[in-house]
Amino acid sequence: MSAPVTLPVTLAPPAASPTGTDLVIPAAVTIDPCRPSSAEFTADDLDLVAEDGRRWELIGGMLVVSPSPRSIHQVVVVNLLLRLMQARPLGFQVLVGPFDVRVDERTKLQPDVLVMRPEQVGETFTDAPPPLVVEVISPGSRAYDLGTKKLIYAAFGVPSYWVVDPVTPSVTVFGLEGDAYVEGTVAVGAEPVRATAPFEVSFTPDELVRP
């Protein structure tokens, strides 16, 4: 594989984002100077990008970049990781981002937390639907997490999708029925989340935001 490169990019303003994220790199940005500016990007192209603390995702060939997460975001991720690790039975693995979920060559996402079967886990990515994907809402990502990403995960066949809002705090649990998610549990504050898929686990949103 070629050596990682850093893209000389100009970031579009948040208002220009069709996905609701804070930062979007227009498709006109190129990795290879000889590549036509109208070319779309692939998952393999993103493997050439040097890690810089931000989240680099790909949706239909368009690069989407989110800024480094805030401290409360990371607190939620760690607390949820601990609870999932304590509850998981044999045959499951819990990972935190960045870890790529390759939907296809033109779409690659990086969930905040995901539960997988060991046989699904590659060195840097999976191309199989994880049993559970969790996104923690950041400023500017609400529409992205509850809109674009939710639709993509459903179409990919991810059975369980959770969205955590650290501000409320709240947890919304979605279950896949057919090719669309149906909202299940919505827990706020001290209300319990009692999930049964992909395995039984119980916690409250308040517990997730405690430092």
Protein backbone atom coordinates (compact mmCIF):
# COMPACT_ATOMS: atom_id res chain seq x y z
CA MET A 1 0.00 0.00 0.00
CA SER A 2 1.23 3.50 -0.80
CA ALA A 3 2.43 5.75 1.99
CA PRO A 4 -0.33 7.77 3.68
CA VAL A 5 -0.90 11.25 2.36
CA THR A 6 -2.55 14.34 3.79
CA LEU A 7 -5.06 16.01 1.52
CA PRO A 8 -4.65 19.75 0.83
CA VAL A 9 -8.35 20.51 1.14
CA THR A 10 -10.67 23.44 1.49
CA LEU A 11 -13.52 22.70 3.87
CA ALA A 12 -17.01 23.73 2.92
CA PRO A 13 -19.04 25.68 5.52
CA PRO A 14 -21.51 23.69 7.64
CA ALA A 15 -24.48 25.21 5.80
CA ALA A 16 -23.32 23.52 2.61
CA SER A 17 -23.51 20.05 4.13
CA PRO A 18 -26.23 17.83 2.66
CA THR A 19 -25.70 15.31 5.45
CA GLY A 20 -25.88 17.68 8.40
CA THR A 21 -22.28 17.18 9.48
CA ASP A 22 -20.02 20.02 10.54
CA LEU A 23 -17.54 19.72 7.70
CA VAL A 24 -17.83 18.39 4.18
CA ILE A 25 -15.11 18.00 1.58
CA PRO A 26 -16.64 18.52 -1.86
CA ALA A 27 -16.14 15.80 -4.45
CA ALA A 28 -13.96 18.21 -6.43
CA VAL A 29 -11.08 17.63 -3.99
CA THR A 30 -8.64 15.08 -5.38
CA ILE A 31 -6.09 12.75 -3.84
CA ASP A 32 -4.15 12.21 -7.04
CA PRO A 33 -3.17 15.48 -8.81
CA CYS A 34 -3.62 13.67 -12.15
CA ARG A 35 -7.14 12.53 -11.30
CA PRO A 36 -10.09 14.39 -12.87
CA SER A 37 -11.74 16.79 -10.42
CA SER A 38 -15.14 15.28 -11.19
CA ALA A 39 -14.09 11.77 -10.10
CA GLU A 40 -15.75 10.17 -7.11
CA PHE A 41 -13.77 8.61 -4.29
CA THR A 42 -13.65 5.00 -3.16
CA ALA A 43 -13.04 3.25 0.14
CA ASP A 44 -9.53 2.38 -1.07
CA ASP A 45 -8.82 6.10 -1.64
CA LEU A 46 -9.56 6.84 2.01
CA ASP A 47 -6.98 4.26 3.07
CA LEU A 48 -4.36 6.70 1.71
CA VAL A 49 -5.43 9.50 4.06
CA ALA A 50 -3.14 10.14 7.03
CA GLU A 51 -4.86 9.92 10.43
CA ASP A 52 -5.42 13.41 11.81
CA GLY A 53 -7.87 12.91 14.69
CA ARG A 54 -10.93 13.61 12.57
CA ARG A 55 -13.48 11.16 11.23
CA TRP A 56 -13.24 10.53 7.47
CA GLU A 57 -16.28 8.87 5.93
CA LEU A 58 -17.51 8.22 2.43
CA ILE A 59 -21.12 8.41 1.25
CA GLY A 60 -21.86 7.66 -2.36
CA GLY A 61 -18.37 8.74 -3.38
CA MET A 62 -18.47 12.02 -1.40
CA LEU A 63 -15.98 12.62 1.38
CA VAL A 64 -17.47 13.68 4.70
CA VAL A 65 -15.18 14.87 7.50
CA SER A 66 -16.20 15.49 11.10
CA PRO A 67 -14.01 17.33 13.65
CA SER A 68 -12.34 15.65 16.61
CA PRO A 69 -14.95 14.66 19.22
CA ARG A 70 -15.58 16.67 22.39
CA SER A 71 -14.76 15.29 25.83
CA ILE A 72 -18.40 14.42 26.69
CA HIS A 73 -18.60 12.39 23.50
CA GLN A 74 -15.60 10.35 24.55
CA VAL A 75 -16.97 9.89 28.08
CA VAL A 76 -20.14 8.39 26.63
CA VAL A 77 -18.19 6.10 24.30
CA VAL A 78 -15.99 4.77 27.13
CA ASN A 79 -18.90 4.25 29.53
CA LEU A 80 -20.95 2.44 26.90
CA LEU A 81 -17.94 0.33 25.92
CA LEU A 82 -17.50 -0.80 29.53
CA ARG A 83 -21.17 -1.77 29.89
CA LEU A 84 -21.22 -3.69 26.63
CA MET A 85 -17.97 -5.47 27.49
CA GLN A 86 -19.35 -6.53 30.87
CA ALA A 87 -22.59 -7.81 29.34
CA ARG A 88 -21.37 -9.51 26.16
CA PRO A 89 -21.53 -13.29 25.95
CA LEU A 90 -19.02 -15.43 24.14
CA GLY A 91 -19.09 -14.94 20.38
CA PHE A 92 -19.23 -11.16 20.38
CA GLN A 93 -16.57 -8.47 20.14
CA VAL A 94 -17.02 -4.80 21.07
CA LEU A 95 -15.04 -2.13 19.20
CA VAL A 96 -14.89 1.65 19.23
CA GLY A 97 -14.14 3.96 16.33
CA PRO A 98 -12.33 4.62 14.22
CA PHE A 99 -13.12 1.27 12.63
CA ASP A 100 -14.50 1.18 9.11
CA VAL A 101 -17.79 -0.34 8.08
CA ARG A 102 -17.54 -0.76 4.30
CA VAL A 103 -21.02 -0.79 2.86
CA ASP A 104 -19.60 -0.80 -0.67
CA GLU A 105 -16.69 0.76 -2.53
CA ARG A 106 -18.35 4.19 -2.51
CA THR A 107 -19.71 4.21 1.05
CA LYS A 108 -17.69 3.74 4.22
CA LEU A 109 -18.77 4.77 7.72
CA GLN A 110 -17.04 4.87 11.11
CA PRO A 111 -19.47 4.21 13.98
CA ASP A 112 -18.62 5.38 17.49
CA VAL A 113 -19.23 1.92 18.98
CA LEU A 114 -20.03 -1.39 17.30
CA VAL A 115 -20.62 -4.98 18.32
CA MET A 116 -19.43 -7.66 15.93
CA ARG A 117 -18.92 -11.37 15.58
CA PRO A 118 -15.19 -12.22 15.68
CA GLU A 119 -15.29 -13.66 12.17
CA GLN A 120 -16.53 -10.28 10.86
CA VAL A 121 -13.55 -8.34 12.18
CA GLY A 122 -10.80 -7.51 9.71
CA GLU A 123 -7.60 -5.64 10.45
CA THR A 124 -9.03 -2.19 9.72
CA PHE A 125 -12.58 -2.71 8.47
CA THR A 126 -15.56 -5.00 8.10
CA ASP A 127 -17.70 -5.48 5.01
CA ALA A 128 -20.40 -7.40 6.91
CA PRO A 129 -23.31 -5.80 8.82
CA PRO A 130 -22.41 -5.56 12.54
CA PRO A 131 -25.10 -6.85 14.93
CA LEU A 132 -25.08 -3.43 16.64
CA VAL A 133 -23.95 0.04 15.63
CA VAL A 134 -24.01 3.04 17.99
CA GLU A 135 -23.62 6.70 17.11
CA VAL A 136 -23.13 9.42 19.74
CA ILE A 137 -24.56 12.74 18.61
CA SER A 138 -22.11 15.63 18.37
CA PRO A 139 -22.94 19.28 17.67
CA GLY A 140 -24.01 19.41 14.05
CA SER A 141 -24.36 15.64 13.55
CA ARG A 142 -27.98 15.07 14.63
CA ALA A 143 -29.46 15.10 11.11
CA TYR A 144 -26.57 12.97 9.85
CA ASP A 145 -26.91 10.32 12.59
CA LEU A 146 -30.72 10.20 12.56
CA GLY A 147 -31.06 10.65 8.81
CA THR A 148 -28.33 9.68 6.36
CA LYS A 149 -26.49 7.17 8.54
CA LYS A 150 -29.68 5.58 9.81
CA LEU A 151 -30.85 4.96 6.24
CA ILE A 152 -27.49 3.53 5.19
CA TYR A 153 -27.23 1.18 8.17
CA ALA A 154 -30.78 -0.05 7.56
CA ALA A 155 -30.14 -0.69 3.86
CA PHE A 156 -26.91 -2.51 4.78
CA GLY A 157 -28.83 -4.80 7.13
CA VAL A 158 -27.51 -3.72 10.56
CA PRO A 159 -30.08 -5.30 12.94
CA SER A 160 -29.74 -2.86 15.85
CA TYR A 161 -28.95 0.85 15.75
CA TRP A 162 -28.64 3.03 18.88
CA VAL A 163 -28.32 6.79 18.97
CA VAL A 164 -27.05 8.47 22.14
CA ASP A 165 -27.60 12.17 22.84
CA PRO A 166 -25.18 13.28 25.59
CA VAL A 167 -26.93 16.62 26.09
CA THR A 168 -30.39 15.35 27.10
CA PRO A 169 -29.03 12.68 27.95
CA SER A 170 -31.00 10.03 26.07
CA VAL A 171 -30.69 6.75 24.21
CA THR A 172 -32.91 5.78 21.28
CA VAL A 173 -32.94 2.13 20.25
CA PHE A 174 -33.92 1.19 16.69
CA GLY A 175 -34.58 -2.34 15.47
CA LEU A 176 -34.56 -3.41 11.85
CA GLU A 177 -37.85 -4.64 10.46
CA GLY A 178 -37.65 -5.48 6.78
CA ASP A 179 -35.50 -2.78 5.22
CA ALA A 180 -36.30 0.03 7.69
CA TYR A 181 -35.76 0.79 11.37
CA VAL A 182 -38.60 0.86 13.88
CA GLU A 183 -38.10 2.97 16.99
CA GLY A 184 -38.16 0.91 20.16
CA THR A 185 -36.93 2.12 23.53
CA VAL A 186 -36.40 5.83 24.13
CA ALA A 187 -34.82 6.35 27.54
CA VAL A 188 -34.06 9.74 29.08
CA GLY A 189 -31.97 10.53 32.16
CA ALA A 190 -32.50 7.90 34.85
CA GLU A 191 -34.88 5.80 32.75
CA PRO A 192 -33.44 2.35 32.05
CA VAL A 193 -32.39 1.03 28.68
CA ARG A 194 -33.06 -2.71 28.68
CA ALA A 195 -31.83 -4.05 25.37
CA THR A 196 -32.10 -7.66 24.28
CA ALA A 197 -30.27 -7.42 20.94
CA PRO A 198 -27.61 -8.32 20.12
CA PHE A 199 -27.49 -9.47 23.77
CA GLU A 200 -29.07 -8.45 27.05
CA VAL A 201 -27.67 -5.29 28.62
CA SER A 202 -29.14 -2.66 30.94
CA PHE A 203 -28.03 0.88 31.80
CA THR A 204 -29.35 4.43 32.01
CA PRO A 205 -28.42 7.45 29.89
CA ASP A 206 -27.32 9.24 33.07
CA GLU A 207 -24.71 6.53 33.64
CA LEU A 208 -23.22 7.14 30.22
CA VAL A 209 -22.44 10.82 30.83
CA ARG A 210 -20.79 10.41 34.22
CA PRO A 211 -17.07 11.29 34.05
